[in-house]
Amino acid sequence: VLVAVGGRPYIPRDVPGAVELAVTSDDLFSLS
């Protein structure tokens, strides 16, 4: 078995509003 799942951008959950309101590079390139 080969694990090659990579990683994803991290948004700190201890910053109020960050997870709900911020985007990352996962979102920016398709931002409408």
All heavy atoms as atom14 arrays in JSON, in Angstrom:
{
  "sequence": "VLVAVGGRPYIPRDVPGAVELAVTSDDLFSLS",
  "atom14_mask": [
    [1, 1, 1, 1, 1, 1, 1, 0, 0, 0, 0, 0, 0, 0],
    [1, 1, 1, 1, 1, 1, 1, 1, 0, 0, 0, 0, 0, 0],
    [1, 1, 1, 1, 1, 1, 1, 0, 0, 0, 0, 0, 0, 0],
    [1, 1, 1, 1, 1, 0, 0, 0, 0, 0, 0, 0, 0, 0],
    [1, 1, 1, 1, 1, 1, 1, 0, 0, 0, 0, 0, 0, 0],
    [1, 1, 1, 1, 0, 0, 0, 0, 0, 0, 0, 0, 0, 0],
    [1, 1, 1, 1, 0, 0, 0, 0, 0, 0, 0, 0, 0, 0],
    [1, 1, 1, 1, 1, 1, 1, 1, 1, 1, 1, 0, 0, 0],
    [1, 1, 1, 1, 1, 1, 1, 0, 0, 0, 0, 0, 0, 0],
    [1, 1, 1, 1, 1, 1, 1, 1, 1, 1, 1, 1, 0, 0],
    [1, 1, 1, 1, 1, 1, 1, 1, 0, 0, 0, 0, 0, 0],
    [1, 1, 1, 1, 1, 1, 1, 0, 0, 0, 0, 0, 0, 0],
    [1, 1, 1, 1, 1, 1, 1, 1, 1, 1, 1, 0, 0, 0],
    [1, 1, 1, 1, 1, 1, 1, 1, 0, 0, 0, 0, 0, 0],
    [1, 1, 1, 1, 1, 1, 1, 0, 0, 0, 0, 0, 0, 0],
    [1, 1, 1, 1, 1, 1, 1, 0, 0, 0, 0, 0, 0, 0],
    [1, 1, 1, 1, 0, 0, 0, 0, 0, 0, 0, 0, 0, 0],
    [1, 1, 1, 1, 1, 0, 0, 0, 0, 0, 0, 0, 0, 0],
    [1, 1, 1, 1, 1, 1, 1, 0, 0, 0, 0, 0, 0, 0],
    [1, 1, 1, 1, 1, 1, 1, 1, 1, 0, 0, 0, 0, 0],
    [1, 1, 1, 1, 1, 1, 1, 1, 0, 0, 0, 0, 0, 0],
    [1, 1, 1, 1, 1, 0, 0, 0, 0, 0, 0, 0, 0, 0],
    [1, 1, 1, 1, 1, 1, 1, 0, 0, 0, 0, 0, 0, 0],
    [1, 1, 1, 1, 1, 1, 1, 0, 0, 0, 0, 0, 0, 0],
    [1, 1, 1, 1, 1, 1, 0, 0, 0, 0, 0, 0, 0, 0],
    [1, 1, 1, 1, 1, 1, 1, 1, 0, 0, 0, 0, 0, 0],
    [1, 1, 1, 1, 1, 1, 1, 1, 0, 0, 0, 0, 0, 0],
    [1, 1, 1, 1, 1, 1, 1, 1, 0, 0, 0, 0, 0, 0],
    [1, 1, 1, 1, 1, 1, 1, 1, 1, 1, 1, 0, 0, 0],
    [1, 1, 1, 1, 1, 1, 0, 0, 0, 0, 0, 0, 0, 0],
    [1, 1, 1, 1, 1, 1, 1, 1, 0, 0, 0, 0, 0, 0],
    [1, 1, 1, 1, 1, 1, 0, 0, 0, 0, 0, 0, 0, 0]
  ],
  "atom14_positions": [
    [[0.86, -1.19, 0.0], [0.0, 0.0, 0.0], [0.89, 1.23, 0.0], [1.86, 1.31, 0.76], [-0.94, 0.03, 1.22], [-1.72, 1.35, 1.27], [-1.9, -1.15, 1.2], [0.0, 0.0, 0.0], [0.0, 0.0, 0.0], [0.0, 0.0, 0.0], [0.0, 0.0, 0.0], [0.0, 0.0, 0.0], [0.0, 0.0, 0.0], [0.0, 0.0, 0.0]],
    [[0.58, 2.17, -0.86], [1.31, 3.44, -0.92], [0.39, 4.56, -0.5], [-0.67, 4.77, -1.09], [1.83, 3.7, -2.33], [2.45, 5.09, -2.57], [3.65, 5.31, -1.65], [2.85, 5.26, -4.03], [0.0, 0.0, 0.0], [0.0, 0.0, 0.0], [0.0, 0.0, 0.0], [0.0, 0.0, 0.0], [0.0, 0.0, 0.0], [0.0, 0.0, 0.0]],
    [[0.79, 5.29, 0.53], [0.03, 6.45, 1.01], [0.61, 7.7, 0.35], [1.79, 8.02, 0.54], [0.09, 6.58, 2.54], [-0.65, 7.82, 3.0], [-0.48, 5.33, 3.2], [0.0, 0.0, 0.0], [0.0, 0.0, 0.0], [0.0, 0.0, 0.0], [0.0, 0.0, 0.0], [0.0, 0.0, 0.0], [0.0, 0.0, 0.0], [0.0, 0.0, 0.0]],
    [[-0.22, 8.4, -0.42], [0.22, 9.6, -1.13], [-0.91, 10.63, -1.1], [-1.3, 11.17, -2.14], [0.63, 9.28, -2.55], [0.0, 0.0, 0.0], [0.0, 0.0, 0.0], [0.0, 0.0, 0.0], [0.0, 0.0, 0.0], [0.0, 0.0, 0.0], [0.0, 0.0, 0.0], [0.0, 0.0, 0.0], [0.0, 0.0, 0.0], [0.0, 0.0, 0.0]],
    [[-1.43, 10.88, 0.1], [-2.63, 11.72, 0.23], [-2.32, 13.21, 0.33], [-3.23, 14.04, 0.3], [-3.46, 11.29, 1.45], [-4.02, 9.89, 1.25], [-2.63, 11.33, 2.74], [0.0, 0.0, 0.0], [0.0, 0.0, 0.0], [0.0, 0.0, 0.0], [0.0, 0.0, 0.0], [0.0, 0.0, 0.0], [0.0, 0.0, 0.0], [0.0, 0.0, 0.0]],
    [[-1.04, 13.57, 0.48], [-0.68, 14.98, 0.48], [-1.2, 15.73, 1.69], [-1.43, 15.17, 2.76], [0.0, 0.0, 0.0], [0.0, 0.0, 0.0], [0.0, 0.0, 0.0], [0.0, 0.0, 0.0], [0.0, 0.0, 0.0], [0.0, 0.0, 0.0], [0.0, 0.0, 0.0], [0.0, 0.0, 0.0], [0.0, 0.0, 0.0], [0.0, 0.0, 0.0]],
    [[-1.39, 17.03, 1.52], [-1.84, 17.89, 2.61], [-2.82, 18.93, 2.12], [-3.04, 19.09, 0.91], [0.0, 0.0, 0.0], [0.0, 0.0, 0.0], [0.0, 0.0, 0.0], [0.0, 0.0, 0.0], [0.0, 0.0, 0.0], [0.0, 0.0, 0.0], [0.0, 0.0, 0.0], [0.0, 0.0, 0.0], [0.0, 0.0, 0.0], [0.0, 0.0, 0.0]],
    [[-3.4, 19.64, 3.07], [-4.36, 20.71, 2.76], [-4.03, 21.95, 3.59], [-3.44, 21.85, 4.67], [-5.78, 20.24, 3.09], [-6.27, 19.05, 2.28], [-6.63, 19.42, 0.86], [-7.8, 20.25, 0.77], [-9.06, 19.79, 0.71], [-9.28, 18.47, 0.72], [-10.08, 20.61, 0.6], [0.0, 0.0, 0.0], [0.0, 0.0, 0.0], [0.0, 0.0, 0.0]],
    [[-4.4, 23.13, 3.11], [-4.14, 24.36, 3.87], [-4.82, 24.32, 5.23], [-5.89, 23.73, 5.4], [-4.75, 25.46, 2.99], [-4.83, 24.87, 1.63], [-5.07, 23.41, 1.82], [0.0, 0.0, 0.0], [0.0, 0.0, 0.0], [0.0, 0.0, 0.0], [0.0, 0.0, 0.0], [0.0, 0.0, 0.0], [0.0, 0.0, 0.0], [0.0, 0.0, 0.0]],
    [[-4.18, 24.97, 6.17], [-4.63, 24.97, 7.56], [-5.19, 26.35, 7.92], [-4.56, 27.38, 7.65], [-3.45, 24.62, 8.47], [-3.66, 24.89, 9.92], [-4.52, 24.1, 10.69], [-2.98, 25.92, 10.57], [-4.7, 24.34, 12.04], [-3.14, 26.17, 11.92], [-4.0, 25.38, 12.65], [-4.18, 25.62, 13.99], [0.0, 0.0, 0.0], [0.0, 0.0, 0.0]],
    [[-6.38, 26.38, 8.5], [-6.95, 27.6, 9.05], [-7.1, 27.39, 10.55], [-7.79, 26.46, 10.98], [-8.33, 27.94, 8.44], [-8.22, 28.14, 6.93], [-8.9, 29.21, 9.09], [-9.54, 28.46, 6.26], [0.0, 0.0, 0.0], [0.0, 0.0, 0.0], [0.0, 0.0, 0.0], [0.0, 0.0, 0.0], [0.0, 0.0, 0.0], [0.0, 0.0, 0.0]],
    [[-6.46, 28.22, 11.38], [-6.52, 28.01, 12.83], [-7.93, 28.18, 13.37], [-8.59, 29.19, 13.11], [-5.57, 29.07, 13.38], [-5.47, 30.1, 12.31], [-5.64, 29.39, 11.02], [0.0, 0.0, 0.0], [0.0, 0.0, 0.0], [0.0, 0.0, 0.0], [0.0, 0.0, 0.0], [0.0, 0.0, 0.0], [0.0, 0.0, 0.0], [0.0, 0.0, 0.0]],
    [[-8.39, 27.2, 14.12], [-9.74, 27.24, 14.68], [-9.85, 28.12, 15.91], [-10.96, 28.41, 16.36], [-10.21, 25.81, 15.0], [-10.37, 24.95, 13.75], [-11.02, 23.62, 14.04], [-11.32, 22.92, 12.79], [-12.4, 23.11, 12.06], [-13.32, 23.98, 12.47], [-12.61, 22.44, 10.94], [0.0, 0.0, 0.0], [0.0, 0.0, 0.0], [0.0, 0.0, 0.0]],
    [[-8.69, 28.54, 16.44], [-8.75, 29.4, 17.62], [-8.84, 30.88, 17.28], [-8.82, 31.74, 18.17], [-7.53, 29.15, 18.52], [-6.2, 29.41, 17.82], [-6.22, 29.62, 16.59], [-5.17, 29.4, 18.5], [0.0, 0.0, 0.0], [0.0, 0.0, 0.0], [0.0, 0.0, 0.0], [0.0, 0.0, 0.0], [0.0, 0.0, 0.0], [0.0, 0.0, 0.0]],
    [[-8.94, 31.21, 15.98], [-9.17, 32.59, 15.55], [-10.64, 32.72, 15.19], [-11.09, 32.18, 14.16], [-8.3, 32.96, 14.33], [-8.62, 34.38, 13.86], [-6.82, 32.84, 14.67], [0.0, 0.0, 0.0], [0.0, 0.0, 0.0], [0.0, 0.0, 0.0], [0.0, 0.0, 0.0], [0.0, 0.0, 0.0], [0.0, 0.0, 0.0], [0.0, 0.0, 0.0]],
    [[-11.45, 33.39, 16.01], [-12.89, 33.48, 15.74], [-13.18, 34.02, 14.36], [-12.62, 35.02, 13.93], [-13.38, 34.45, 16.83], [-12.38, 34.32, 17.94], [-11.06, 34.08, 17.26], [0.0, 0.0, 0.0], [0.0, 0.0, 0.0], [0.0, 0.0, 0.0], [0.0, 0.0, 0.0], [0.0, 0.0, 0.0], [0.0, 0.0, 0.0], [0.0, 0.0, 0.0]],
    [[-14.04, 33.32, 13.64], [-14.48, 33.75, 12.32], [-13.6, 33.3, 11.18], [-14.0, 33.39, 10.01], [0.0, 0.0, 0.0], [0.0, 0.0, 0.0], [0.0, 0.0, 0.0], [0.0, 0.0, 0.0], [0.0, 0.0, 0.0], [0.0, 0.0, 0.0], [0.0, 0.0, 0.0], [0.0, 0.0, 0.0], [0.0, 0.0, 0.0], [0.0, 0.0, 0.0]],
    [[-12.4, 32.78, 11.46], [-11.46, 32.45, 10.39], [-11.97, 31.3, 9.53], [-11.97, 31.39, 8.29], [-10.09, 32.13, 10.97], [0.0, 0.0, 0.0], [0.0, 0.0, 0.0], [0.0, 0.0, 0.0], [0.0, 0.0, 0.0], [0.0, 0.0, 0.0], [0.0, 0.0, 0.0], [0.0, 0.0, 0.0], [0.0, 0.0, 0.0], [0.0, 0.0, 0.0]],
    [[-12.4, 30.22, 10.14], [-12.85, 29.05, 9.37], [-14.08, 29.4, 8.54], [-14.22, 28.96, 7.39], [-13.15, 27.87, 10.32], [-13.79, 26.72, 9.56], [-11.88, 27.41, 11.01], [0.0, 0.0, 0.0], [0.0, 0.0, 0.0], [0.0, 0.0, 0.0], [0.0, 0.0, 0.0], [0.0, 0.0, 0.0], [0.0, 0.0, 0.0], [0.0, 0.0, 0.0]],
    [[-14.96, 30.21, 9.09], [-16.21, 30.54, 8.41], [-16.02, 31.56, 7.29], [-16.71, 31.5, 6.26], [-17.23, 31.1, 9.42], [-17.67, 30.13, 10.49], [-16.66, 30.0, 11.63], [-15.71, 30.83, 11.69], [-16.81, 29.07, 12.45], [0.0, 0.0, 0.0], [0.0, 0.0, 0.0], [0.0, 0.0, 0.0], [0.0, 0.0, 0.0], [0.0, 0.0, 0.0]],
    [[-15.1, 32.51, 7.46], [-15.03, 33.65, 6.54], [-13.81, 33.67, 5.63], [-13.85, 34.31, 4.58], [-15.07, 34.96, 7.36], [-16.31, 35.17, 8.23], [-16.19, 36.47, 9.01], [-17.57, 35.16, 7.39], [0.0, 0.0, 0.0], [0.0, 0.0, 0.0], [0.0, 0.0, 0.0], [0.0, 0.0, 0.0], [0.0, 0.0, 0.0], [0.0, 0.0, 0.0]],
    [[-12.74, 33.01, 6.02], [-11.52, 33.06, 5.22], [-11.54, 32.0, 4.12], [-12.24, 30.99, 4.22], [-10.3, 32.86, 6.11], [0.0, 0.0, 0.0], [0.0, 0.0, 0.0], [0.0, 0.0, 0.0], [0.0, 0.0, 0.0], [0.0, 0.0, 0.0], [0.0, 0.0, 0.0], [0.0, 0.0, 0.0], [0.0, 0.0, 0.0], [0.0, 0.0, 0.0]],
    [[-10.76, 32.23, 3.09], [-10.53, 31.24, 2.04], [-9.06, 30.85, 2.09], [-8.25, 31.47, 2.79], [-10.89, 31.78, 0.64], [-12.36, 32.15, 0.57], [-10.0, 32.95, 0.24], [0.0, 0.0, 0.0], [0.0, 0.0, 0.0], [0.0, 0.0, 0.0], [0.0, 0.0, 0.0], [0.0, 0.0, 0.0], [0.0, 0.0, 0.0], [0.0, 0.0, 0.0]],
    [[-8.7, 29.81, 1.36], [-7.31, 29.39, 1.22], [-7.01, 29.23, -0.26], [-7.85, 29.5, -1.12], [-7.05, 28.06, 1.95], [-7.75, 27.01, 1.25], [-7.52, 28.11, 3.4], [0.0, 0.0, 0.0], [0.0, 0.0, 0.0], [0.0, 0.0, 0.0], [0.0, 0.0, 0.0], [0.0, 0.0, 0.0], [0.0, 0.0, 0.0], [0.0, 0.0, 0.0]],
    [[-5.82, 28.73, -0.56], [-5.49, 28.44, -1.96], [-6.4, 27.35, -2.53], [-6.51, 27.23, -3.75], [-4.02, 28.02, -2.08], [-3.73, 26.93, -1.22], [0.0, 0.0, 0.0], [0.0, 0.0, 0.0], [0.0, 0.0, 0.0], [0.0, 0.0, 0.0], [0.0, 0.0, 0.0], [0.0, 0.0, 0.0], [0.0, 0.0, 0.0], [0.0, 0.0, 0.0]],
    [[-7.06, 26.57, -1.67], [-8.05, 25.6, -2.15], [-9.25, 26.27, -2.8], [-9.97, 25.65, -3.59], [-8.55, 24.72, -0.99], [-7.58, 23.61, -0.64], [-6.54, 23.49, -1.3], [-7.88, 22.85, 0.31], [0.0, 0.0, 0.0], [0.0, 0.0, 0.0], [0.0, 0.0, 0.0], [0.0, 0.0, 0.0], [0.0, 0.0, 0.0], [0.0, 0.0, 0.0]],
    [[-9.5, 27.54, -2.44], [-10.69, 28.25, -2.92], [-10.37, 29.37, -3.9], [-11.19, 29.69, -4.77], [-11.43, 28.87, -1.71], [-11.63, 27.91, -0.57], [-12.39, 26.94, -0.75], [-11.01, 28.11, 0.49], [0.0, 0.0, 0.0], [0.0, 0.0, 0.0], [0.0, 0.0, 0.0], [0.0, 0.0, 0.0], [0.0, 0.0, 0.0], [0.0, 0.0, 0.0]],
    [[-9.19, 29.97, -3.76], [-8.9, 31.22, -4.48], [-8.96, 31.06, -5.98], [-9.46, 31.94, -6.7], [-7.51, 31.72, -4.06], [-7.06, 33.05, -4.64], [-8.01, 34.17, -4.24], [-5.63, 33.38, -4.19], [0.0, 0.0, 0.0], [0.0, 0.0, 0.0], [0.0, 0.0, 0.0], [0.0, 0.0, 0.0], [0.0, 0.0, 0.0], [0.0, 0.0, 0.0]],
    [[-8.47, 29.94, -6.51], [-8.37, 29.78, -7.97], [-9.71, 29.5, -8.64], [-9.79, 29.49, -9.86], [-7.38, 28.67, -8.3], [-6.01, 28.92, -7.73], [-5.5, 28.08, -6.75], [-5.25, 29.99, -8.15], [-4.24, 28.31, -6.21], [-3.99, 30.23, -7.61], [-3.49, 29.39, -6.64], [0.0, 0.0, 0.0], [0.0, 0.0, 0.0], [0.0, 0.0, 0.0]],
    [[-10.75, 29.27, -7.84], [-12.09, 29.08, -8.4], [-13.07, 30.1, -7.84], [-14.29, 29.95, -8.01], [-12.59, 27.66, -8.12], [-12.64, 27.41, -6.72], [0.0, 0.0, 0.0], [0.0, 0.0, 0.0], [0.0, 0.0, 0.0], [0.0, 0.0, 0.0], [0.0, 0.0, 0.0], [0.0, 0.0, 0.0], [0.0, 0.0, 0.0], [0.0, 0.0, 0.0]],
    [[-12.57, 31.14, -7.21], [-13.42, 32.15, -6.57], [-14.28, 32.84, -7.63], [-13.76, 33.42, -8.59], [-12.55, 33.17, -5.85], [-13.19, 34.03, -4.77], [-13.66, 33.16, -3.6], [-12.19, 35.08, -4.28], [0.0, 0.0, 0.0], [0.0, 0.0, 0.0], [0.0, 0.0, 0.0], [0.0, 0.0, 0.0], [0.0, 0.0, 0.0], [0.0, 0.0, 0.0]],
    [[-15.59, 32.78, -7.46], [-16.5, 33.29, -8.48], [-16.59, 34.81, -8.49], [-16.92, 35.4, -9.51], [-17.9, 32.69, -8.3], [-18.42, 33.04, -7.03], [0.0, 0.0, 0.0], [0.0, 0.0, 0.0], [0.0, 0.0, 0.0], [0.0, 0.0, 0.0], [0.0, 0.0, 0.0], [0.0, 0.0, 0.0], [0.0, 0.0, 0.0], [0.0, 0.0, 0.0]]
  ]
}
